[in-house]
Amino acid sequence: MNFTRWSARLPGTQRRAAARTDHSAAPDRPAENPSAVPAARAEQLTDEHAPVPAVDELPVREVLDRVPALVALVHGPDHRVAYVNDAYVTAFGVRPLGEPTRESLPELDELGLLPLLDQVLRSRKPRTLKSRKAPDGRSYTFTCTPVTEGENAGVLVFATDVTDHAEAAERLRASERRQRETAVTLQRSLLPQELEEPDDLRIAATYQPGGTEAAVGGDWYDVITLGGGRTALVIGDVMGRGVRAAAVMGQLRTAVRAYARLDLPPHEVLQLLDGLATEIDANQIATCVYAIHDPNEGRLVYASAGHLPILVRDESGVVLRADEPTGPPLGTGGWMHASGSIPLGPGSTAVLYTDGLVERRDEDLDEGIASLERALSGATGTPQVVCDRLVRSAGVTADHDDDVAVLVLQHPARTGPDSDLFRNAALELLGGIEAAPRARAFASGVLTSWRFPTELHDLGVLAASELVANSLQHGTPPMRLRLRRTDRRLIIEVTDGDDHLPRRRRAEPGDESGRGIAIVATIASNWGSRRTPGGGKAVWCEFVLPKNSA
């Protein structure tokens, strides 16, 4: 076989050969530019130096034998081996010529290169296979180029050793995997390990980090029992990825829990978080929704800082979207947040989520929210079942490109014997000296009808009497006494029109007041106070029920 005829078809050689043919067609034609170099002397540097040999005058086999890259030449439909250079022999050993590649060059078969040879032979176009690890343990990038001469057709295989690059890339990937594992571990450790379980709500949540190629983000959620039967629900998303985003998320979540203990309205909590986010990192912003559920109101009061709207499915399957009010994300500063509300009655299901659940690169965000609404309208079952169904319907898989956090809460519609464990009773207090005995009589009658043990009955009447007396002395009308029982606790609450919050203090022996709150704090399992939205305050206490009373 004429090897020179085959090897002359290296990439780029055809163009150079064509150029030389054009120049040699009329060697004696005078140049249009007198100063131009004649074609026959195109490779001569100066008149004083000897001519440099042209590429086609070099012995091709000798050149290819000295190339450090692996070179092999095959021809025909069964890819019979015509040539392998010294570098190829050094890497894989001596290879017989004239035999099909599958038998003569088994390493190419193991690398899956034979289909590529067929494709190059048919299409007459070069193809490249990047960074494949060969049986010798090194990595190569293979370039297969078609070569033709008359009726003969073949493929020139050119393999470049890229082992150093492949190992560097693998080290980089391993480093990124370690960083991601660190961020995921940090992220999960900062999320609640077990959700708090309110008396009146059933709650489930899920968090799924982005795929292996994406750094973990700063999505978080939380459930906080505020006392008095009220529950705070939080979900947020810190912009950015990696350990920094997870660390900022942890600081914000801790701050939310601290601010929640102040029992502030949702918009005031976000106002405090906004300032804190600016102090943590002026360049780091986050979205957040903070909502409070009060079973006595049957509504979800919330405030949003640039976050996606809450969705609520009522008992009939109709889905409502809480669009307003929405302020800018946390960390932007200079914005007065406002609270809104959405109905959440018995039988309703609410969903709080981050953008990873509904945002896709190839569709509008509103379309993703609309799809979630349709999925929620048909989602029934426990909160965990609903949570899983929403994640599946959104197409979230293990290789999803963004973090996903979902918080699902249900306000069960209780019927039958279960409904007897959840009761409410209220009394309007008109003021005057008769209000205190009326409140005691009312509390005693209600607790007797609820069949509480004698000890718990007496403690409940005493707590109601002290709270009412405190409100009569320090508060203003309108006043109300409310008693509520759940399957776990008895809650006693008194509201009035004065917004001065009481505090527990030590009364001196000669003081005529200051002992009511101290008594309540001593006998009750928990107590607290808060300002009400319309002005005024609510003071409450609660007693944990013995198991046999439920």
Protein backbone atom coordinates (compact mmCIF):
# COMPACT_ATOMS: atom_id res chain seq x y z
CA MET A 1 0.00 0.00 0.00
CA ASN A 2 1.30 3.49 -0.87
CA PHE A 3 1.45 5.03 2.63
CA THR A 4 2.59 8.42 1.33
CA ARG A 5 -0.52 8.63 -0.81
CA TRP A 6 -2.74 7.96 2.26
CA SER A 7 -0.91 10.03 4.82
CA ALA A 8 -0.82 13.09 2.60
CA ARG A 9 -4.50 13.57 3.43
CA LEU A 10 -3.90 14.91 6.92
CA PRO A 11 -6.25 17.75 7.99
CA GLY A 12 -5.29 20.97 6.25
CA THR A 13 -3.04 19.26 3.72
CA GLN A 14 -5.66 19.43 0.96
CA ARG A 15 -5.91 23.19 1.21
CA ARG A 16 -2.14 23.62 1.11
CA ALA A 17 -1.86 21.22 -1.85
CA ALA A 18 -4.51 23.19 -3.74
CA ALA A 19 -2.63 26.40 -3.07
CA ARG A 20 0.60 24.92 -4.38
CA THR A 21 -1.18 23.67 -7.53
CA ASP A 22 -2.45 27.18 -8.25
CA HIS A 23 1.03 28.63 -7.90
CA SER A 24 2.76 25.94 -9.94
CA ALA A 25 0.26 26.15 -12.84
CA ALA A 26 2.08 29.17 -14.33
CA PRO A 27 5.56 29.28 -12.83
CA ASP A 28 6.98 31.61 -15.51
CA ARG A 29 4.14 34.17 -15.37
CA PRO A 30 5.54 37.49 -14.24
CA ALA A 31 4.13 38.75 -10.96
CA GLU A 32 1.75 41.68 -11.11
CA ASN A 33 3.56 43.16 -8.11
CA PRO A 34 7.27 43.55 -8.92
CA SER A 35 8.14 43.25 -5.24
CA ALA A 36 6.15 40.02 -4.71
CA VAL A 37 7.98 36.77 -4.11
CA PRO A 38 7.70 34.37 -7.08
CA ALA A 39 5.56 31.30 -6.51
CA ALA A 40 8.43 28.94 -7.10
CA ARG A 41 10.36 30.71 -4.35
CA ALA A 42 7.43 30.95 -1.87
CA GLU A 43 9.28 28.90 0.74
CA GLN A 44 12.59 30.70 0.36
CA LEU A 45 13.16 33.19 3.18
CA THR A 46 15.81 35.39 1.52
CA ASP A 47 18.02 35.31 -1.52
CA GLU A 48 20.99 34.52 0.71
CA HIS A 49 19.47 31.34 2.31
CA ALA A 50 18.99 27.90 0.81
CA PRO A 51 15.39 26.88 -0.02
CA VAL A 52 13.45 25.25 2.81
CA PRO A 53 11.90 21.89 1.82
CA ALA A 54 8.13 21.96 1.31
CA VAL A 55 5.87 19.77 3.48
CA ASP A 56 5.12 17.34 0.64
CA GLU A 57 8.84 16.73 0.27
CA LEU A 58 9.18 15.44 3.87
CA PRO A 59 9.09 11.67 4.50
CA VAL A 60 5.60 11.39 6.06
CA ARG A 61 6.15 8.05 7.78
CA GLU A 62 9.25 9.34 9.52
CA VAL A 63 7.33 12.42 10.69
CA LEU A 64 4.37 10.44 12.04
CA ASP A 65 6.64 7.96 13.79
CA ARG A 66 8.10 10.85 15.78
CA VAL A 67 4.76 12.46 16.66
CA PRO A 68 4.06 12.00 20.42
CA ALA A 69 0.35 11.52 19.71
CA LEU A 70 -1.04 8.09 18.83
CA VAL A 71 -1.71 7.68 15.12
CA ALA A 72 -3.36 4.78 13.31
CA LEU A 73 -4.57 4.46 9.71
CA VAL A 74 -7.36 2.06 8.77
CA HIS A 75 -9.12 1.52 5.47
CA GLY A 76 -12.08 -0.28 3.98
CA PRO A 77 -15.49 -1.11 5.46
CA ASP A 78 -13.95 -3.51 8.01
CA HIS A 79 -11.28 -0.93 8.93
CA ARG A 80 -8.18 -2.97 8.17
CA VAL A 81 -5.10 -1.59 9.84
CA ALA A 82 -2.65 0.04 7.43
CA TYR A 83 -0.34 1.79 9.87
CA VAL A 84 0.30 2.57 13.54
CA ASN A 85 3.07 4.93 14.64
CA ASP A 86 5.75 4.36 17.28
CA ALA A 87 3.77 6.19 20.00
CA TYR A 88 0.83 3.83 19.44
CA VAL A 89 3.13 0.79 19.65
CA THR A 90 4.67 2.13 22.87
CA ALA A 91 1.23 2.60 24.43
CA PHE A 92 -0.46 -0.64 23.35
CA GLY A 93 2.26 -2.87 21.95
CA VAL A 94 2.98 -4.14 18.43
CA ARG A 95 -0.13 -4.46 16.29
CA PRO A 96 -0.41 -6.64 13.15
CA LEU A 97 -1.15 -4.81 9.92
CA GLY A 98 -3.76 -5.82 7.37
CA GLU A 99 -6.14 -7.23 9.99
CA PRO A 100 -9.58 -5.75 10.87
CA THR A 101 -9.48 -3.19 13.67
CA ARG A 102 -11.74 -5.29 15.92
CA GLU A 103 -9.02 -8.02 16.08
CA SER A 104 -5.90 -5.96 15.53
CA LEU A 105 -6.74 -2.91 17.68
CA PRO A 106 -9.04 -4.28 20.44
CA GLU A 107 -8.42 -1.20 22.59
CA LEU A 108 -10.37 0.92 20.08
CA ASP A 109 -13.24 -1.56 20.25
CA GLU A 110 -13.26 -1.35 24.08
CA LEU A 111 -13.45 2.44 23.83
CA GLY A 112 -16.48 2.20 21.55
CA LEU A 113 -14.63 3.78 18.63
CA LEU A 114 -15.72 1.39 15.90
CA PRO A 115 -19.21 2.93 15.40
CA LEU A 116 -17.48 6.30 15.12
CA LEU A 117 -15.19 4.92 12.40
CA ASP A 118 -18.24 3.69 10.49
CA GLN A 119 -19.88 7.10 10.79
CA VAL A 120 -16.79 8.93 9.56
CA LEU A 121 -16.42 6.53 6.65
CA ARG A 122 -20.05 7.07 5.59
CA SER A 123 -20.31 10.81 6.13
CA ARG A 124 -16.78 11.72 5.01
CA LYS A 125 -16.72 14.20 7.93
CA PRO A 126 -14.28 14.22 10.85
CA ARG A 127 -15.52 13.34 14.34
CA THR A 128 -14.00 13.76 17.82
CA LEU A 129 -14.41 11.66 20.95
CA LYS A 130 -13.26 13.57 24.03
CA SER A 131 -11.38 12.27 27.06
CA ARG A 132 -11.86 8.51 27.03
CA LYS A 133 -9.87 6.36 29.43
CA ALA A 134 -7.98 3.65 27.54
CA PRO A 135 -6.94 0.19 28.81
CA ASP A 136 -3.43 1.51 29.51
CA GLY A 137 -4.92 3.73 32.23
CA ARG A 138 -4.39 7.01 30.40
CA SER A 139 -7.02 9.29 28.90
CA TYR A 140 -7.10 10.27 25.23
CA THR A 141 -9.10 12.51 22.97
CA PHE A 142 -9.62 10.75 19.62
CA THR A 143 -10.06 12.62 16.33
CA CYS A 144 -11.10 10.50 13.35
CA THR A 145 -10.56 12.08 9.92
CA PRO A 146 -11.61 10.57 6.56
CA VAL A 147 -8.88 10.00 3.96
CA THR A 148 -9.54 9.08 0.32
CA GLU A 149 -7.50 8.30 -2.73
CA GLY A 150 -9.36 7.06 -5.83
CA GLU A 151 -11.62 4.21 -4.86
CA ASN A 152 -9.84 3.63 -1.57
CA ALA A 153 -11.39 5.13 1.57
CA GLY A 154 -10.12 5.04 5.10
CA VAL A 155 -9.92 6.83 8.43
CA LEU A 156 -6.95 8.40 10.15
CA VAL A 157 -7.19 8.02 13.94
CA PHE A 158 -5.32 10.68 15.89
CA ALA A 159 -5.26 10.30 19.73
CA THR A 160 -3.99 13.07 22.01
CA ASP A 161 -2.99 12.23 25.58
CA VAL A 162 -5.16 14.35 27.91
CA THR A 163 -4.52 12.40 31.11
CA ASP A 164 -3.30 15.45 33.05
CA HIS A 165 -6.33 17.46 32.01
CA ALA A 166 -8.71 14.61 32.86
CA GLU A 167 -7.15 14.10 36.28
CA ALA A 168 -7.30 17.84 36.98
CA ALA A 169 -10.96 17.90 35.97
CA GLU A 170 -11.70 14.92 38.21
CA ARG A 171 -9.95 16.61 41.14
CA LEU A 172 -12.04 19.70 40.51
CA ARG A 173 -15.24 17.66 40.38
CA ALA A 174 -14.29 15.86 43.59
CA SER A 175 -13.64 19.20 45.28
CA GLU A 176 -17.01 20.50 44.11
CA ARG A 177 -18.71 17.35 45.38
CA ARG A 178 -17.09 17.78 48.80
CA GLN A 179 -18.13 21.43 48.93
CA ARG A 180 -21.67 20.53 47.94
CA GLU A 181 -21.86 17.76 50.53
CA THR A 182 -20.67 20.25 53.15
CA ALA A 183 -23.31 22.78 52.10
CA VAL A 184 -26.07 20.14 52.03
CA THR A 185 -25.06 18.90 55.49
CA LEU A 186 -25.06 22.47 56.80
CA GLN A 187 -28.37 23.18 55.10
CA ARG A 188 -30.09 20.12 56.52
CA SER A 189 -28.67 20.69 60.01
CA LEU A 190 -30.11 24.21 60.03
CA LEU A 191 -33.58 23.05 58.97
CA PRO A 192 -35.92 21.74 61.69
CA GLN A 193 -35.20 18.09 62.35
CA GLU A 194 -38.78 17.55 63.52
CA LEU A 195 -41.67 19.90 62.81
CA GLU A 196 -43.60 21.23 65.77
CA GLU A 197 -47.13 19.82 65.88
CA PRO A 198 -49.83 22.42 66.60
CA ASP A 199 -53.11 21.26 68.11
CA ASP A 200 -55.30 22.55 65.29
CA LEU A 201 -53.09 21.94 62.25
CA ARG A 202 -51.56 18.95 60.53
CA ILE A 203 -48.27 19.84 58.84
CA ALA A 204 -45.71 18.21 56.54
CA ALA A 205 -42.66 19.60 54.75
CA THR A 206 -40.02 18.48 52.31
CA TYR A 207 -36.68 19.83 51.18
CA GLN A 208 -34.80 18.59 48.13
CA PRO A 209 -31.44 20.12 47.15
CA GLY A 210 -30.55 20.75 43.52
CA GLY A 211 -28.89 18.06 41.39
CA THR A 212 -25.29 16.96 41.76
CA GLU A 213 -24.09 19.59 39.29
CA ALA A 214 -25.69 22.47 41.22
CA ALA A 215 -24.52 23.95 44.52
CA VAL A 216 -27.09 23.84 47.29
CA GLY A 217 -29.11 26.98 47.86
CA GLY A 218 -30.57 28.74 50.91
CA ASP A 219 -34.17 27.47 50.99
CA TRP A 220 -35.69 27.01 54.44
CA TYR A 221 -38.97 26.52 56.29
CA ASP A 222 -40.10 26.45 59.89
CA VAL A 223 -43.14 25.91 62.13
CA ILE A 224 -43.31 27.83 65.43
CA THR A 225 -46.01 27.37 68.08
CA LEU A 226 -46.74 30.79 69.56
CA GLY A 227 -48.97 29.67 72.43
CA GLY A 228 -52.63 30.33 72.94
CA GLY A 229 -53.40 27.97 70.07
CA ARG A 230 -51.65 30.16 67.45
CA THR A 231 -48.98 28.93 65.04
CA ALA A 232 -46.39 30.76 62.91
CA LEU A 233 -45.37 29.28 59.55
CA VAL A 234 -42.30 30.46 57.67
CA ILE A 235 -40.71 29.72 54.31
CA GLY A 236 -37.86 31.57 52.62
CA ASP A 237 -35.17 31.48 49.98
CA VAL A 238 -31.75 33.09 50.20
CA MET A 239 -30.44 34.13 46.79
CA GLY A 240 -27.20 32.50 45.74
CA ARG A 241 -25.72 29.07 46.33
CA GLY A 242 -23.17 27.26 48.40
CA VAL A 243 -22.08 27.37 52.02
CA ARG A 244 -22.51 31.15 52.22
CA ALA A 245 -26.19 31.00 51.24
CA ALA A 246 -26.80 28.18 53.73
CA ALA A 247 -25.07 30.15 56.51
CA VAL A 248 -27.16 33.26 55.84
CA MET A 249 -30.27 31.07 55.81
CA GLY A 250 -29.35 29.72 59.24
CA GLN A 251 -28.97 33.23 60.67
CA LEU A 252 -32.31 34.35 59.25
CA ARG A 253 -34.12 31.24 60.50
CA THR A 254 -32.72 31.73 64.00
CA ALA A 255 -33.76 35.38 63.93
CA VAL A 256 -37.29 34.48 62.80
CA ARG A 257 -37.70 32.14 65.77
CA ALA A 258 -36.47 34.87 68.14
CA TYR A 259 -38.77 37.51 66.67
CA ALA A 260 -41.69 35.07 66.71
CA ARG A 261 -41.40 34.84 70.50
CA LEU A 262 -42.27 38.53 70.62
CA ASP A 263 -45.64 37.57 69.10
CA LEU A 264 -45.54 40.46 66.65
CA PRO A 265 -47.77 40.86 63.57
CA PRO A 266 -46.27 39.31 60.40
CA HIS A 267 -45.33 42.62 58.77
CA GLU A 268 -43.41 43.73 61.88
CA VAL A 269 -41.44 40.48 61.90
CA LEU A 270 -40.46 41.03 58.25
CA GLN A 271 -39.51 44.62 59.06
CA LEU A 272 -37.05 43.39 61.67
CA LEU A 273 -35.74 40.69 59.34
CA ASP A 274 -35.17 43.26 56.60
CA GLY A 275 -32.82 45.25 58.79
CA LEU A 276 -31.02 42.12 59.96
CA ALA A 277 -30.51 40.86 56.39
CA THR A 278 -28.84 44.16 55.51
CA GLU A 279 -26.49 43.85 58.48
CA ILE A 280 -25.57 40.24 57.68
CA ASP A 281 -24.58 41.03 54.09
CA ALA A 282 -25.63 44.11 52.16
CA ASN A 283 -25.22 42.17 48.89
CA GLN A 284 -27.28 39.17 50.03
CA ILE A 285 -31.05 39.29 49.62
CA ALA A 286 -33.72 36.76 50.49
CA THR A 287 -37.43 36.23 49.96
CA CYS A 288 -39.68 35.17 52.83
CA VAL A 289 -43.29 34.60 53.84
CA TYR A 290 -44.26 34.78 57.52
CA ALA A 291 -47.81 33.68 58.35
CA ILE A 292 -49.79 33.20 61.57
CA HIS A 293 -52.76 30.88 62.00
CA ASP A 294 -55.29 31.55 64.75
CA PRO A 295 -57.94 28.80 65.01
CA ASN A 296 -60.39 31.29 66.54
CA GLU A 297 -60.25 33.51 63.46
CA GLY A 298 -60.25 30.82 60.75
CA ARG A 299 -57.80 32.85 58.66
CA LEU A 300 -54.12 32.87 57.77
CA VAL A 301 -52.59 36.31 58.40
CA TYR A 302 -49.35 36.76 56.47
CA ALA A 303 -46.74 39.16 55.13
CA SER A 304 -44.53 38.53 52.09
CA ALA A 305 -41.09 39.89 51.24
CA GLY A 306 -40.80 39.21 47.52
CA HIS A 307 -41.89 35.59 47.92
CA LEU A 308 -44.30 33.52 45.83
CA PRO A 309 -48.00 33.60 46.81
CA ILE A 310 -49.52 31.21 49.31
CA LEU A 311 -52.06 28.81 47.80
CA VAL A 312 -55.11 27.65 49.79
CA ARG A 313 -57.49 24.87 48.75
CA ASP A 314 -60.85 25.04 50.53
CA GLU A 315 -63.03 22.09 51.46
CA SER A 316 -64.77 22.12 48.07
CA GLY A 317 -61.50 21.99 46.08
CA VAL A 318 -61.39 25.66 45.01
CA VAL A 319 -57.85 27.08 45.12
CA LEU A 320 -57.25 30.68 46.23
CA ARG A 321 -54.04 32.60 45.59
CA ALA A 322 -52.80 35.14 48.16
CA ASP A 323 -51.32 37.73 45.80
CA GLU A 324 -51.26 40.87 47.92
CA PRO A 325 -49.66 42.52 49.75
CA THR A 326 -46.12 41.68 48.66
CA GLY A 327 -43.07 43.82 49.40
CA PRO A 328 -39.52 43.65 48.06
CA PRO A 329 -37.09 40.95 49.23
CA LEU A 330 -35.31 41.15 52.57
CA GLY A 331 -32.10 43.14 52.50
CA THR A 332 -33.29 45.88 50.17
CA GLY A 333 -34.28 48.24 53.01
CA GLY A 334 -36.50 51.31 53.01
CA TRP A 335 -39.83 49.50 52.59
CA MET A 336 -42.77 49.34 54.97
CA HIS A 337 -44.24 45.84 54.82
CA ALA A 338 -47.95 45.18 55.30
CA SER A 339 -49.98 42.18 56.44
CA GLY A 340 -52.79 40.50 54.53
CA SER A 341 -55.04 37.52 55.21
CA ILE A 342 -56.60 34.58 53.42
CA PRO A 343 -59.36 32.21 54.67
CA LEU A 344 -58.20 28.91 56.18
CA GLY A 345 -61.27 27.26 57.62
CA PRO A 346 -61.84 23.63 58.60
CA GLY A 347 -61.13 21.29 55.70
CA SER A 348 -58.70 23.72 54.02
CA THR A 349 -55.14 23.02 52.87
CA ALA A 350 -52.46 25.70 52.44
CA VAL A 351 -49.16 25.39 50.54
CA LEU A 352 -46.05 27.51 51.04
CA TYR A 353 -43.18 26.82 48.60
CA THR A 354 -39.99 28.17 47.05
CA ASP A 355 -39.41 29.01 43.38
CA GLY A 356 -37.65 25.72 42.64
CA LEU A 357 -41.06 24.04 42.63
CA VAL A 358 -42.65 26.23 39.93
CA GLU A 359 -39.89 28.08 38.06
CA ARG A 360 -38.64 26.63 34.78
CA ARG A 361 -36.31 28.14 32.21
CA ASP A 362 -38.59 27.38 29.29
CA GLU A 363 -41.86 28.75 30.70
CA ASP A 364 -43.28 31.79 32.45
CA LEU A 365 -43.40 31.78 36.26
CA ASP A 366 -47.17 32.35 36.28
CA GLU A 367 -47.59 29.18 34.23
CA GLY A 368 -45.71 27.23 36.86
CA ILE A 369 -47.90 28.65 39.64
CA ALA A 370 -51.03 27.88 37.62
CA SER A 371 -49.84 24.28 37.18
CA LEU A 372 -49.31 24.03 40.93
CA GLU A 373 -52.84 25.35 41.51
CA ARG A 374 -54.27 22.64 39.26
CA ALA A 375 -52.24 19.97 41.06
CA LEU A 376 -53.38 21.27 44.46
CA SER A 377 -57.05 21.33 43.46
CA GLY A 378 -56.99 17.55 43.02
CA ALA A 379 -54.59 16.71 45.81
CA THR A 380 -56.23 14.96 48.77
CA GLY A 381 -54.99 12.92 51.69
CA THR A 382 -52.62 13.67 54.54
CA PRO A 383 -50.26 16.68 54.35
CA GLN A 384 -47.33 14.38 53.54
CA VAL A 385 -49.26 12.75 50.70
CA VAL A 386 -50.22 16.17 49.32
CA CYS A 387 -46.62 17.33 49.64
CA ASP A 388 -45.28 14.33 47.70
CA ARG A 389 -47.94 14.67 44.99
CA LEU A 390 -47.15 18.33 44.42
CA VAL A 391 -43.43 17.62 44.11
CA ARG A 392 -44.07 14.79 41.62
CA SER A 393 -46.53 16.83 39.57
CA ALA A 394 -43.95 19.59 39.24
CA GLY A 395 -41.48 17.12 37.71
CA VAL A 396 -38.92 17.49 40.49
CA THR A 397 -36.33 14.69 40.31
CA ALA A 398 -32.99 13.95 41.92
CA ASP A 399 -31.14 15.90 39.20
CA HIS A 400 -33.41 18.96 39.46
CA ASP A 401 -31.39 22.14 38.86
CA ASP A 402 -32.74 24.13 41.84
CA ASP A 403 -33.52 23.60 45.50
CA VAL A 404 -37.14 22.89 46.41
CA ALA A 405 -38.81 23.50 49.77
CA VAL A 406 -42.52 22.84 50.32
CA LEU A 407 -44.61 23.33 53.47
CA VAL A 408 -48.17 21.92 53.52
CA LEU A 409 -50.63 22.58 56.35
CA GLN A 410 -54.17 21.36 56.82
CA HIS A 411 -56.92 22.60 59.13
CA PRO A 412 -58.89 19.36 59.60
CA ALA A 413 -62.69 19.39 59.59
CA ARG A 414 -63.45 17.41 62.74
CA THR A 415 -66.69 15.47 63.11
CA GLY A 416 -68.04 12.84 65.46
CA PRO A 417 -66.22 12.05 68.73
CA ASP A 418 -63.14 13.94 67.55
CA SER A 419 -65.12 17.18 67.45
CA ASP A 420 -65.93 16.86 71.18
CA LEU A 421 -62.22 17.33 71.93
CA PHE A 422 -62.20 20.78 70.31
CA ARG A 423 -64.54 23.26 71.95
CA ASN A 424 -64.84 27.05 72.23
CA ALA A 425 -66.75 29.30 74.63
CA ALA A 426 -66.67 33.10 74.97
CA LEU A 427 -68.18 35.74 77.26
CA GLU A 428 -68.36 39.48 76.65
CA LEU A 429 -67.33 41.41 79.79
CA LEU A 430 -69.25 44.64 80.17
CA GLY A 431 -67.19 45.92 83.11
CA GLY A 432 -68.22 46.86 86.61
CA ILE A 433 -67.95 44.97 89.85
CA GLU A 434 -70.23 42.20 88.59
CA ALA A 435 -67.87 41.24 85.72
CA ALA A 436 -65.47 39.24 87.87
CA PRO A 437 -68.05 36.95 89.53
CA ARG A 438 -69.83 36.49 86.18
CA ALA A 439 -66.53 35.46 84.59
CA ARG A 440 -65.82 32.96 87.39
CA ALA A 441 -69.30 31.46 87.14
CA PHE A 442 -69.03 31.23 83.36
CA ALA A 443 -65.61 29.57 83.49
CA SER A 444 -66.79 27.11 86.14
CA GLY A 445 -69.85 26.11 84.16
CA VAL A 446 -67.93 25.66 80.91
CA LEU A 447 -65.15 23.59 82.48
CA THR A 448 -67.72 21.43 84.26
CA SER A 449 -69.53 20.78 80.97
CA TRP A 450 -66.23 19.79 79.40
CA ARG A 451 -65.82 17.20 82.17
CA PHE A 452 -62.41 18.25 83.33
CA PRO A 453 -60.97 16.77 86.53
CA THR A 454 -61.61 18.74 89.69
CA GLU A 455 -58.01 19.95 90.05
CA LEU A 456 -57.84 21.22 86.47
CA HIS A 457 -61.31 22.74 86.84
CA ASP A 458 -60.26 24.74 89.90
CA LEU A 459 -56.98 25.89 88.33
CA GLY A 460 -58.81 27.00 85.20
CA VAL A 461 -61.37 29.01 87.20
CA LEU A 462 -58.58 30.65 89.22
CA ALA A 463 -56.61 31.57 86.08
CA ALA A 464 -59.71 33.02 84.38
CA SER A 465 -60.52 35.03 87.52
CA GLU A 466 -57.00 36.51 87.74
CA LEU A 467 -56.83 37.41 84.05
CA VAL A 468 -60.24 39.07 84.16
CA ALA A 469 -59.34 40.98 87.33
CA ASN A 470 -56.12 42.19 85.71
CA SER A 471 -58.04 43.35 82.62
CA LEU A 472 -60.69 45.12 84.71
CA GLN A 473 -58.02 46.98 86.65
CA HIS A 474 -55.58 47.90 83.87
CA GLY A 475 -57.52 47.53 80.62
CA THR A 476 -60.34 49.29 78.82
CA PRO A 477 -63.49 48.01 77.08
CA PRO A 478 -64.35 46.06 75.03
CA MET A 479 -63.36 43.00 77.08
CA ARG A 480 -63.88 39.34 76.35
CA LEU A 481 -63.14 36.05 78.11
CA ARG A 482 -62.52 33.11 75.78
CA LEU A 483 -62.01 29.48 76.75
CA ARG A 484 -60.82 26.87 74.29
CA ARG A 485 -59.99 23.21 74.63
CA THR A 486 -58.14 20.99 72.21
CA ASP A 487 -57.16 17.35 72.45
CA ARG A 488 -54.00 18.43 74.30
CA ARG A 489 -54.59 21.59 76.29
CA LEU A 490 -56.96 24.12 77.85
CA ILE A 491 -56.46 27.73 76.71
CA ILE A 492 -57.84 30.75 78.58
CA GLU A 493 -57.60 34.19 76.96
CA VAL A 494 -58.81 37.67 77.93
CA THR A 495 -58.79 40.59 75.47
CA ASP A 496 -59.36 44.29 76.12
CA GLY A 497 -58.89 47.65 74.39
CA ASP A 498 -55.67 48.76 76.08
CA ASP A 499 -52.38 47.96 74.31
CA HIS A 500 -50.18 48.05 77.42
CA LEU A 501 -48.76 44.55 77.80
CA PRO A 502 -48.53 43.13 81.32
CA ARG A 503 -45.30 41.73 82.71
CA ARG A 504 -44.53 39.44 85.55
CA ARG A 505 -43.00 41.20 88.55
CA ARG A 506 -42.30 40.53 92.21
CA ALA A 507 -44.89 42.19 94.43
CA GLU A 508 -43.77 43.62 97.75
CA PRO A 509 -45.68 42.63 100.93
CA GLY A 510 -47.40 46.00 101.09
CA ASP A 511 -48.43 46.14 97.41
CA GLU A 512 -52.11 45.80 96.62
CA SER A 513 -51.50 44.64 93.02
CA GLY A 514 -48.92 42.83 90.90
CA ARG A 515 -49.75 39.30 92.02
CA GLY A 516 -52.29 38.27 89.35
CA ILE A 517 -49.86 37.54 86.50
CA ALA A 518 -47.43 35.91 88.94
CA ILE A 519 -50.19 33.54 90.08
CA VAL A 520 -51.16 32.71 86.51
CA ALA A 521 -47.51 32.09 85.54
CA THR A 522 -47.12 29.78 88.52
CA ILE A 523 -50.18 27.58 88.03
CA ALA A 524 -50.32 27.47 84.20
CA SER A 525 -48.10 25.49 81.85
CA ASN A 526 -47.44 28.61 79.78
CA TRP A 527 -48.67 32.17 79.47
CA GLY A 528 -48.10 35.21 77.27
CA SER A 529 -49.52 38.41 75.83
CA ARG A 530 -49.67 40.17 72.49
CA ARG A 531 -51.10 43.26 70.87
CA THR A 532 -54.17 42.70 68.73
CA PRO A 533 -54.44 44.15 65.19
CA GLY A 534 -57.32 46.53 65.96
CA GLY A 535 -55.59 47.97 69.01
CA GLY A 536 -55.63 46.51 72.48
CA LYS A 537 -54.09 43.31 73.76
CA ALA A 538 -54.72 39.67 74.51
CA VAL A 539 -53.40 37.90 77.62
CA TRP A 540 -53.55 34.12 77.64
CA CYS A 541 -52.48 31.06 79.56
CA GLU A 542 -52.73 27.34 78.86
CA PHE A 543 -52.82 24.08 80.78
CA VAL A 544 -51.63 20.75 79.39
CA LEU A 545 -54.43 18.20 79.70
CA PRO A 546 -53.87 14.86 81.39
CA LYS A 547 -54.12 12.00 78.91
CA ASN A 548 -57.26 10.52 80.40
CA SER A 549 -59.15 13.81 79.96
CA ALA A 550 -58.67 13.67 76.18
